[in-house]
Amino acid sequence: MSEGIIENLLDNLSKLPGIGRKTAQRLAFYLLAMPDKEARGIGQAIIDIKDKARFCSECFNITDAELCPICSNPARNPKEICVVEEPSNIIVIERSGFFKGRYHVLLGSLSPIDGVTPEKLKIAELVERVKRVQATEVILATNPNTKGEMTARFIKDTLEPLGVNITRIAYGLPMGGDIEFADEVTLRKSLEGRRKL
């Protein structure tokens, strides 16, 4: 076995967030010991997501079809829209099992210092969607940090003239934290305790 292929794998695994050299080494040797079919399945899943992933035309979640499974599910309430910053936030909220509406992904949060203005987010698409589906509630579930609060305030001010009920998830989440790292109970309480903004 060539040391070059192991080093190449270690270097590439180390590029993943939260994966240091030691963890990369453990993963590399775990992959090497895996049955061939399982290891190739992991490799194929990575290739598939890079080749087939796209944004849902309605909510901008990641999918491999025109509409994501949530937007294409007729049991989900299209008039109740939960606004999140990133597709990863949807996965966490869905694990709570509480929200039965649909989502809208902004693909970021406002940060003028970094050049992220409203035009660079999916805010115009949200406004158009709220009008088109005649939304009854927009739940702002941006992260409870400075950027998330600024984004929520901007969206509230933008949507207010439309007469839609605008709520904000409750502060069950720690300030300065990210929704992605919250547990299901905290998220459920945050959604249950949302308030008018």
C-alpha atoms as a PDB file:
ATOM      1  CA  MET A   1       0.000   0.000   0.000  1.00  0.00           C
ATOM      2  CA  SER A   2       1.386   3.349  -1.050  1.00  0.00           C
ATOM      3  CA  GLU A   3       1.731   5.989   1.632  1.00  0.00           C
ATOM      4  CA  GLY A   4       0.748   8.547  -1.013  1.00  0.00           C
ATOM      5  CA  ILE A   5      -2.893   7.453  -1.222  1.00  0.00           C
ATOM      6  CA  ILE A   6      -3.321   7.521   2.560  1.00  0.00           C
ATOM      7  CA  GLU A   7      -1.748  10.995   2.758  1.00  0.00           C
ATOM      8  CA  ASN A   8      -4.014  12.170  -0.056  1.00  0.00           C
ATOM      9  CA  LEU A   9      -7.085  10.891   1.819  1.00  0.00           C
ATOM     10  CA  LEU A  10      -5.899  12.437   5.107  1.00  0.00           C
ATOM     11  CA  ASP A  11      -5.302  15.785   3.417  1.00  0.00           C
ATOM     12  CA  ASN A  12      -8.779  15.747   1.851  1.00  0.00           C
ATOM     13  CA  LEU A  13     -10.602  14.588   5.006  1.00  0.00           C
ATOM     14  CA  SER A  14      -8.801  17.307   6.978  1.00  0.00           C
ATOM     15  CA  LYS A  15     -10.476  19.920   4.746  1.00  0.00           C
ATOM     16  CA  LEU A  16     -13.856  19.059   6.289  1.00  0.00           C
ATOM     17  CA  PRO A  17     -15.013  21.332   9.132  1.00  0.00           C
ATOM     18  CA  GLY A  18     -14.206  19.993  12.587  1.00  0.00           C
ATOM     19  CA  ILE A  19     -11.911  17.265  11.225  1.00  0.00           C
ATOM     20  CA  GLY A  20      -8.351  17.535  12.464  1.00  0.00           C
ATOM     21  CA  ARG A  21      -5.432  15.345  11.462  1.00  0.00           C
ATOM     22  CA  LYS A  22      -6.083  12.664  14.123  1.00  0.00           C
ATOM     23  CA  THR A  23      -9.787  12.375  13.291  1.00  0.00           C
ATOM     24  CA  ALA A  24      -8.923  12.249   9.587  1.00  0.00           C
ATOM     25  CA  GLN A  25      -6.524   9.392  10.313  1.00  0.00           C
ATOM     26  CA  ARG A  26      -9.195   7.454  12.252  1.00  0.00           C
ATOM     27  CA  LEU A  27     -11.715   7.999   9.452  1.00  0.00           C
ATOM     28  CA  ALA A  28      -9.231   6.972   6.767  1.00  0.00           C
ATOM     29  CA  PHE A  29      -8.419   3.676   8.447  1.00  0.00           C
ATOM     30  CA  TYR A  30     -12.100   3.078   9.237  1.00  0.00           C
ATOM     31  CA  LEU A  31     -12.926   3.568   5.541  1.00  0.00           C
ATOM     32  CA  LEU A  32     -10.107   1.219   4.588  1.00  0.00           C
ATOM     33  CA  ALA A  33     -11.513  -1.494   6.879  1.00  0.00           C
ATOM     34  CA  MET A  34     -15.115  -1.060   5.678  1.00  0.00           C
ATOM     35  CA  PRO A  35     -16.675  -3.548   3.293  1.00  0.00           C
ATOM     36  CA  ASP A  36     -16.032  -2.462  -0.281  1.00  0.00           C
ATOM     37  CA  LYS A  37     -19.733  -1.874  -1.051  1.00  0.00           C
ATOM     38  CA  GLU A  38     -20.231   0.469   1.939  1.00  0.00           C
ATOM     39  CA  ALA A  39     -17.075   2.499   1.242  1.00  0.00           C
ATOM     40  CA  ARG A  40     -18.021   2.892  -2.418  1.00  0.00           C
ATOM     41  CA  GLY A  41     -21.537   3.906  -1.319  1.00  0.00           C
ATOM     42  CA  ILE A  42     -20.073   6.800   0.671  1.00  0.00           C
ATOM     43  CA  GLY A  43     -17.971   7.833  -2.306  1.00  0.00           C
ATOM     44  CA  GLN A  44     -20.971   7.632  -4.651  1.00  0.00           C
ATOM     45  CA  ALA A  45     -23.133   9.679  -2.260  1.00  0.00           C
ATOM     46  CA  ILE A  46     -20.510  12.457  -2.340  1.00  0.00           C
ATOM     47  CA  ILE A  47     -20.370  12.336  -6.154  1.00  0.00           C
ATOM     48  CA  ASP A  48     -24.193  12.340  -6.383  1.00  0.00           C
ATOM     49  CA  ILE A  49     -24.620  15.376  -4.151  1.00  0.00           C
ATOM     50  CA  LYS A  50     -22.027  17.331  -6.128  1.00  0.00           C
ATOM     51  CA  ASP A  51     -23.548  16.286  -9.490  1.00  0.00           C
ATOM     52  CA  LYS A  52     -27.281  16.445  -8.690  1.00  0.00           C
ATOM     53  CA  ALA A  53     -27.804  18.968  -5.888  1.00  0.00           C
ATOM     54  CA  ARG A  54     -29.700  22.138  -6.786  1.00  0.00           C
ATOM     55  CA  PHE A  55     -31.902  24.694  -5.062  1.00  0.00           C
ATOM     56  CA  CYS A  56     -35.640  24.138  -4.808  1.00  0.00           C
ATOM     57  CA  SER A  57     -37.362  26.613  -7.136  1.00  0.00           C
ATOM     58  CA  GLU A  58     -39.856  27.518  -4.400  1.00  0.00           C
ATOM     59  CA  CYS A  59     -37.930  27.677  -1.106  1.00  0.00           C
ATOM     60  CA  PHE A  60     -34.213  27.378  -2.040  1.00  0.00           C
ATOM     61  CA  ASN A  61     -33.671  24.249   0.053  1.00  0.00           C
ATOM     62  CA  ILE A  62     -31.216  21.732  -1.402  1.00  0.00           C
ATOM     63  CA  THR A  63     -32.860  19.056  -3.538  1.00  0.00           C
ATOM     64  CA  ASP A  64     -32.307  16.954  -6.639  1.00  0.00           C
ATOM     65  CA  ALA A  65     -35.665  17.876  -8.233  1.00  0.00           C
ATOM     66  CA  GLU A  66     -37.535  21.053  -9.218  1.00  0.00           C
ATOM     67  CA  LEU A  67     -39.246  21.114  -5.799  1.00  0.00           C
ATOM     68  CA  CYS A  68     -37.851  19.763  -2.531  1.00  0.00           C
ATOM     69  CA  PRO A  69     -39.822  17.036  -0.675  1.00  0.00           C
ATOM     70  CA  ILE A  70     -41.276  19.611   1.746  1.00  0.00           C
ATOM     71  CA  CYS A  71     -42.581  21.960  -0.971  1.00  0.00           C
ATOM     72  CA  SER A  72     -44.009  19.053  -2.964  1.00  0.00           C
ATOM     73  CA  ASN A  73     -45.797  17.589   0.086  1.00  0.00           C
ATOM     74  CA  PRO A  74     -49.503  18.563  -0.111  1.00  0.00           C
ATOM     75  CA  ALA A  75     -49.890  17.908   3.639  1.00  0.00           C
ATOM     76  CA  ARG A  76     -47.605  20.865   4.442  1.00  0.00           C
ATOM     77  CA  ASN A  77     -49.308  24.255   4.886  1.00  0.00           C
ATOM     78  CA  PRO A  78     -48.070  26.544   2.063  1.00  0.00           C
ATOM     79  CA  LYS A  79     -49.446  29.655   3.798  1.00  0.00           C
ATOM     80  CA  GLU A  80     -47.216  29.227   6.871  1.00  0.00           C
ATOM     81  CA  ILE A  81     -43.623  30.035   5.907  1.00  0.00           C
ATOM     82  CA  CYS A  82     -40.636  29.596   8.214  1.00  0.00           C
ATOM     83  CA  VAL A  83     -37.703  31.746   7.085  1.00  0.00           C
ATOM     84  CA  VAL A  84     -34.224  30.343   7.795  1.00  0.00           C
ATOM     85  CA  GLU A  85     -30.722  31.402   6.842  1.00  0.00           C
ATOM     86  CA  GLU A  86     -29.342  28.106   5.498  1.00  0.00           C
ATOM     87  CA  PRO A  87     -30.669  24.726   4.266  1.00  0.00           C
ATOM     88  CA  SER A  88     -28.984  23.034   7.248  1.00  0.00           C
ATOM     89  CA  ASN A  89     -31.381  24.930   9.550  1.00  0.00           C
ATOM     90  CA  ILE A  90     -34.337  23.077   7.978  1.00  0.00           C
ATOM     91  CA  ILE A  91     -32.932  19.686   8.967  1.00  0.00           C
ATOM     92  CA  VAL A  92     -32.688  20.731  12.612  1.00  0.00           C
ATOM     93  CA  ILE A  93     -36.183  22.283  12.740  1.00  0.00           C
ATOM     94  CA  GLU A  94     -37.666  19.226  11.013  1.00  0.00           C
ATOM     95  CA  ARG A  95     -36.173  16.978  13.716  1.00  0.00           C
ATOM     96  CA  SER A  96     -38.317  18.819  16.268  1.00  0.00           C
ATOM     97  CA  GLY A  97     -41.386  17.359  14.494  1.00  0.00           C
ATOM     98  CA  PHE A  98     -43.409  20.465  15.387  1.00  0.00           C
ATOM     99  CA  PHE A  99     -43.523  22.681  12.300  1.00  0.00           C
ATOM    100  CA  LYS A 100     -46.017  21.628   9.585  1.00  0.00           C
ATOM    101  CA  GLY A 101     -45.684  24.565   7.202  1.00  0.00           C
ATOM    102  CA  ARG A 102     -43.082  25.225   4.538  1.00  0.00           C
ATOM    103  CA  TYR A 103     -39.717  26.972   4.511  1.00  0.00           C
ATOM    104  CA  HIS A 104     -37.911  29.789   2.773  1.00  0.00           C
ATOM    105  CA  VAL A 105     -34.110  29.754   2.766  1.00  0.00           C
ATOM    106  CA  LEU A 106     -32.378  33.133   2.536  1.00  0.00           C
ATOM    107  CA  LEU A 107     -28.969  31.591   1.739  1.00  0.00           C
ATOM    108  CA  GLY A 108     -27.257  33.800   4.297  1.00  0.00           C
ATOM    109  CA  SER A 109     -27.889  36.755   6.573  1.00  0.00           C
ATOM    110  CA  LEU A 110     -27.420  40.483   6.226  1.00  0.00           C
ATOM    111  CA  SER A 111     -23.877  41.655   6.863  1.00  0.00           C
ATOM    112  CA  PRO A 112     -23.141  45.040   5.291  1.00  0.00           C
ATOM    113  CA  ILE A 113     -19.536  44.921   6.506  1.00  0.00           C
ATOM    114  CA  ASP A 114     -19.059  41.699   4.484  1.00  0.00           C
ATOM    115  CA  GLY A 115     -20.955  43.055   1.488  1.00  0.00           C
ATOM    116  CA  VAL A 116     -24.057  40.899   2.088  1.00  0.00           C
ATOM    117  CA  THR A 117     -26.927  43.235   1.240  1.00  0.00           C
ATOM    118  CA  PRO A 118     -30.648  42.389   0.866  1.00  0.00           C
ATOM    119  CA  GLU A 119     -30.186  41.983  -2.893  1.00  0.00           C
ATOM    120  CA  LYS A 120     -27.747  39.111  -2.289  1.00  0.00           C
ATOM    121  CA  LEU A 121     -30.267  37.137  -0.218  1.00  0.00           C
ATOM    122  CA  LYS A 122     -33.565  35.548  -1.263  1.00  0.00           C
ATOM    123  CA  ILE A 123     -35.638  38.339   0.298  1.00  0.00           C
ATOM    124  CA  ALA A 124     -37.263  39.587  -2.943  1.00  0.00           C
ATOM    125  CA  GLU A 125     -38.299  36.005  -3.672  1.00  0.00           C
ATOM    126  CA  LEU A 126     -39.819  35.768  -0.189  1.00  0.00           C
ATOM    127  CA  VAL A 127     -41.879  38.932  -0.730  1.00  0.00           C
ATOM    128  CA  GLU A 128     -43.139  37.620  -4.089  1.00  0.00           C
ATOM    129  CA  ARG A 129     -43.974  34.256  -2.533  1.00  0.00           C
ATOM    130  CA  VAL A 130     -45.849  35.769   0.423  1.00  0.00           C
ATOM    131  CA  LYS A 131     -48.013  37.690  -2.067  1.00  0.00           C
ATOM    132  CA  ARG A 132     -48.503  34.728  -4.429  1.00  0.00           C
ATOM    133  CA  VAL A 133     -49.548  32.147  -1.808  1.00  0.00           C
ATOM    134  CA  GLN A 134     -51.331  34.758   0.340  1.00  0.00           C
ATOM    135  CA  ALA A 135     -49.322  33.644   3.363  1.00  0.00           C
ATOM    136  CA  THR A 136     -51.059  33.849   6.739  1.00  0.00           C
ATOM    137  CA  GLU A 137     -47.869  33.719   8.829  1.00  0.00           C
ATOM    138  CA  VAL A 138     -44.169  34.248   8.276  1.00  0.00           C
ATOM    139  CA  ILE A 139     -42.030  32.836  11.099  1.00  0.00           C
ATOM    140  CA  LEU A 140     -38.598  34.426  11.254  1.00  0.00           C
ATOM    141  CA  ALA A 141     -36.175  31.721  12.382  1.00  0.00           C
ATOM    142  CA  THR A 142     -32.907  33.467  11.652  1.00  0.00           C
ATOM    143  CA  ASN A 143     -30.071  32.860  14.080  1.00  0.00           C
ATOM    144  CA  PRO A 144     -30.270  34.729  17.404  1.00  0.00           C
ATOM    145  CA  ASN A 145     -27.108  36.729  16.798  1.00  0.00           C
ATOM    146  CA  THR A 146     -26.453  40.245  15.485  1.00  0.00           C
ATOM    147  CA  LYS A 147     -26.666  39.312  11.788  1.00  0.00           C
ATOM    148  CA  GLY A 148     -29.755  37.165  12.318  1.00  0.00           C
ATOM    149  CA  GLU A 149     -31.506  39.899  14.296  1.00  0.00           C
ATOM    150  CA  MET A 150     -30.666  42.514  11.658  1.00  0.00           C
ATOM    151  CA  THR A 151     -32.007  40.200   8.945  1.00  0.00           C
ATOM    152  CA  ALA A 152     -35.218  39.484  10.886  1.00  0.00           C
ATOM    153  CA  ARG A 153     -35.824  43.199  11.465  1.00  0.00           C
ATOM    154  CA  PHE A 154     -35.279  43.994   7.772  1.00  0.00           C
ATOM    155  CA  ILE A 155     -37.680  41.247   6.661  1.00  0.00           C
ATOM    156  CA  LYS A 156     -40.277  42.383   9.202  1.00  0.00           C
ATOM    157  CA  ASP A 157     -40.091  45.961   7.913  1.00  0.00           C
ATOM    158  CA  THR A 158     -40.285  44.731   4.307  1.00  0.00           C
ATOM    159  CA  LEU A 159     -43.283  42.405   4.843  1.00  0.00           C
ATOM    160  CA  GLU A 160     -45.276  44.565   7.270  1.00  0.00           C
ATOM    161  CA  PRO A 161     -47.102  46.543   4.537  1.00  0.00           C
ATOM    162  CA  LEU A 162     -48.466  43.248   3.149  1.00  0.00           C
ATOM    163  CA  GLY A 163     -50.532  42.656   6.293  1.00  0.00           C
ATOM    164  CA  VAL A 164     -49.139  39.160   6.916  1.00  0.00           C
ATOM    165  CA  ASN A 165     -48.747  37.957  10.522  1.00  0.00           C
ATOM    166  CA  ILE A 166     -44.994  38.106  11.241  1.00  0.00           C
ATOM    167  CA  THR A 167     -43.610  36.160  14.195  1.00  0.00           C
ATOM    168  CA  ARG A 168     -40.124  35.489  15.542  1.00  0.00           C
ATOM    169  CA  ILE A 169     -39.020  32.251  17.156  1.00  0.00           C
ATOM    170  CA  ALA A 170     -38.765  32.597  20.923  1.00  0.00           C
ATOM    171  CA  TYR A 171     -35.440  33.017  22.655  1.00  0.00           C
ATOM    172  CA  GLY A 172     -35.082  29.439  23.810  1.00  0.00           C
ATOM    173  CA  LEU A 173     -31.880  29.465  21.799  1.00  0.00           C
ATOM    174  CA  PRO A 174     -28.717  30.989  23.244  1.00  0.00           C
ATOM    175  CA  MET A 175     -27.832  34.435  21.953  1.00  0.00           C
ATOM    176  CA  GLY A 176     -24.828  34.323  19.677  1.00  0.00           C
ATOM    177  CA  GLY A 177     -25.488  30.661  18.828  1.00  0.00           C
ATOM    178  CA  ASP A 178     -26.512  28.965  15.586  1.00  0.00           C
ATOM    179  CA  ILE A 179     -29.785  27.099  14.980  1.00  0.00           C
ATOM    180  CA  GLU A 180     -27.789  24.277  13.408  1.00  0.00           C
ATOM    181  CA  PHE A 181     -26.324  23.287  16.796  1.00  0.00           C
ATOM    182  CA  ALA A 182     -29.516  23.510  18.875  1.00  0.00           C
ATOM    183  CA  ASP A 183     -31.180  20.384  20.289  1.00  0.00           C
ATOM    184  CA  GLU A 184     -34.719  19.344  19.299  1.00  0.00           C
ATOM    185  CA  VAL A 185     -36.324  20.274  22.647  1.00  0.00           C
ATOM    186  CA  THR A 186     -34.909  23.799  22.565  1.00  0.00           C
ATOM    187  CA  LEU A 187     -36.066  24.249  18.970  1.00  0.00           C
ATOM    188  CA  ARG A 188     -39.537  22.922  19.767  1.00  0.00           C
ATOM    189  CA  LYS A 189     -39.865  25.382  22.672  1.00  0.00           C
ATOM    190  CA  SER A 190     -38.601  28.185  20.449  1.00  0.00           C
ATOM    191  CA  LEU A 191     -41.224  27.430  17.806  1.00  0.00           C
ATOM    192  CA  GLU A 192     -44.020  26.998  20.375  1.00  0.00           C
ATOM    193  CA  GLY A 193     -43.128  30.285  22.095  1.00  0.00           C
ATOM    194  CA  ARG A 194     -42.742  32.401  18.961  1.00  0.00           C
ATOM    195  CA  ARG A 195     -44.045  35.941  19.301  1.00  0.00           C
ATOM    196  CA  LYS A 196     -45.159  38.813  17.123  1.00  0.00           C
ATOM    197  CA  LEU A 197     -42.236  40.917  16.003  1.00  0.00           C
END
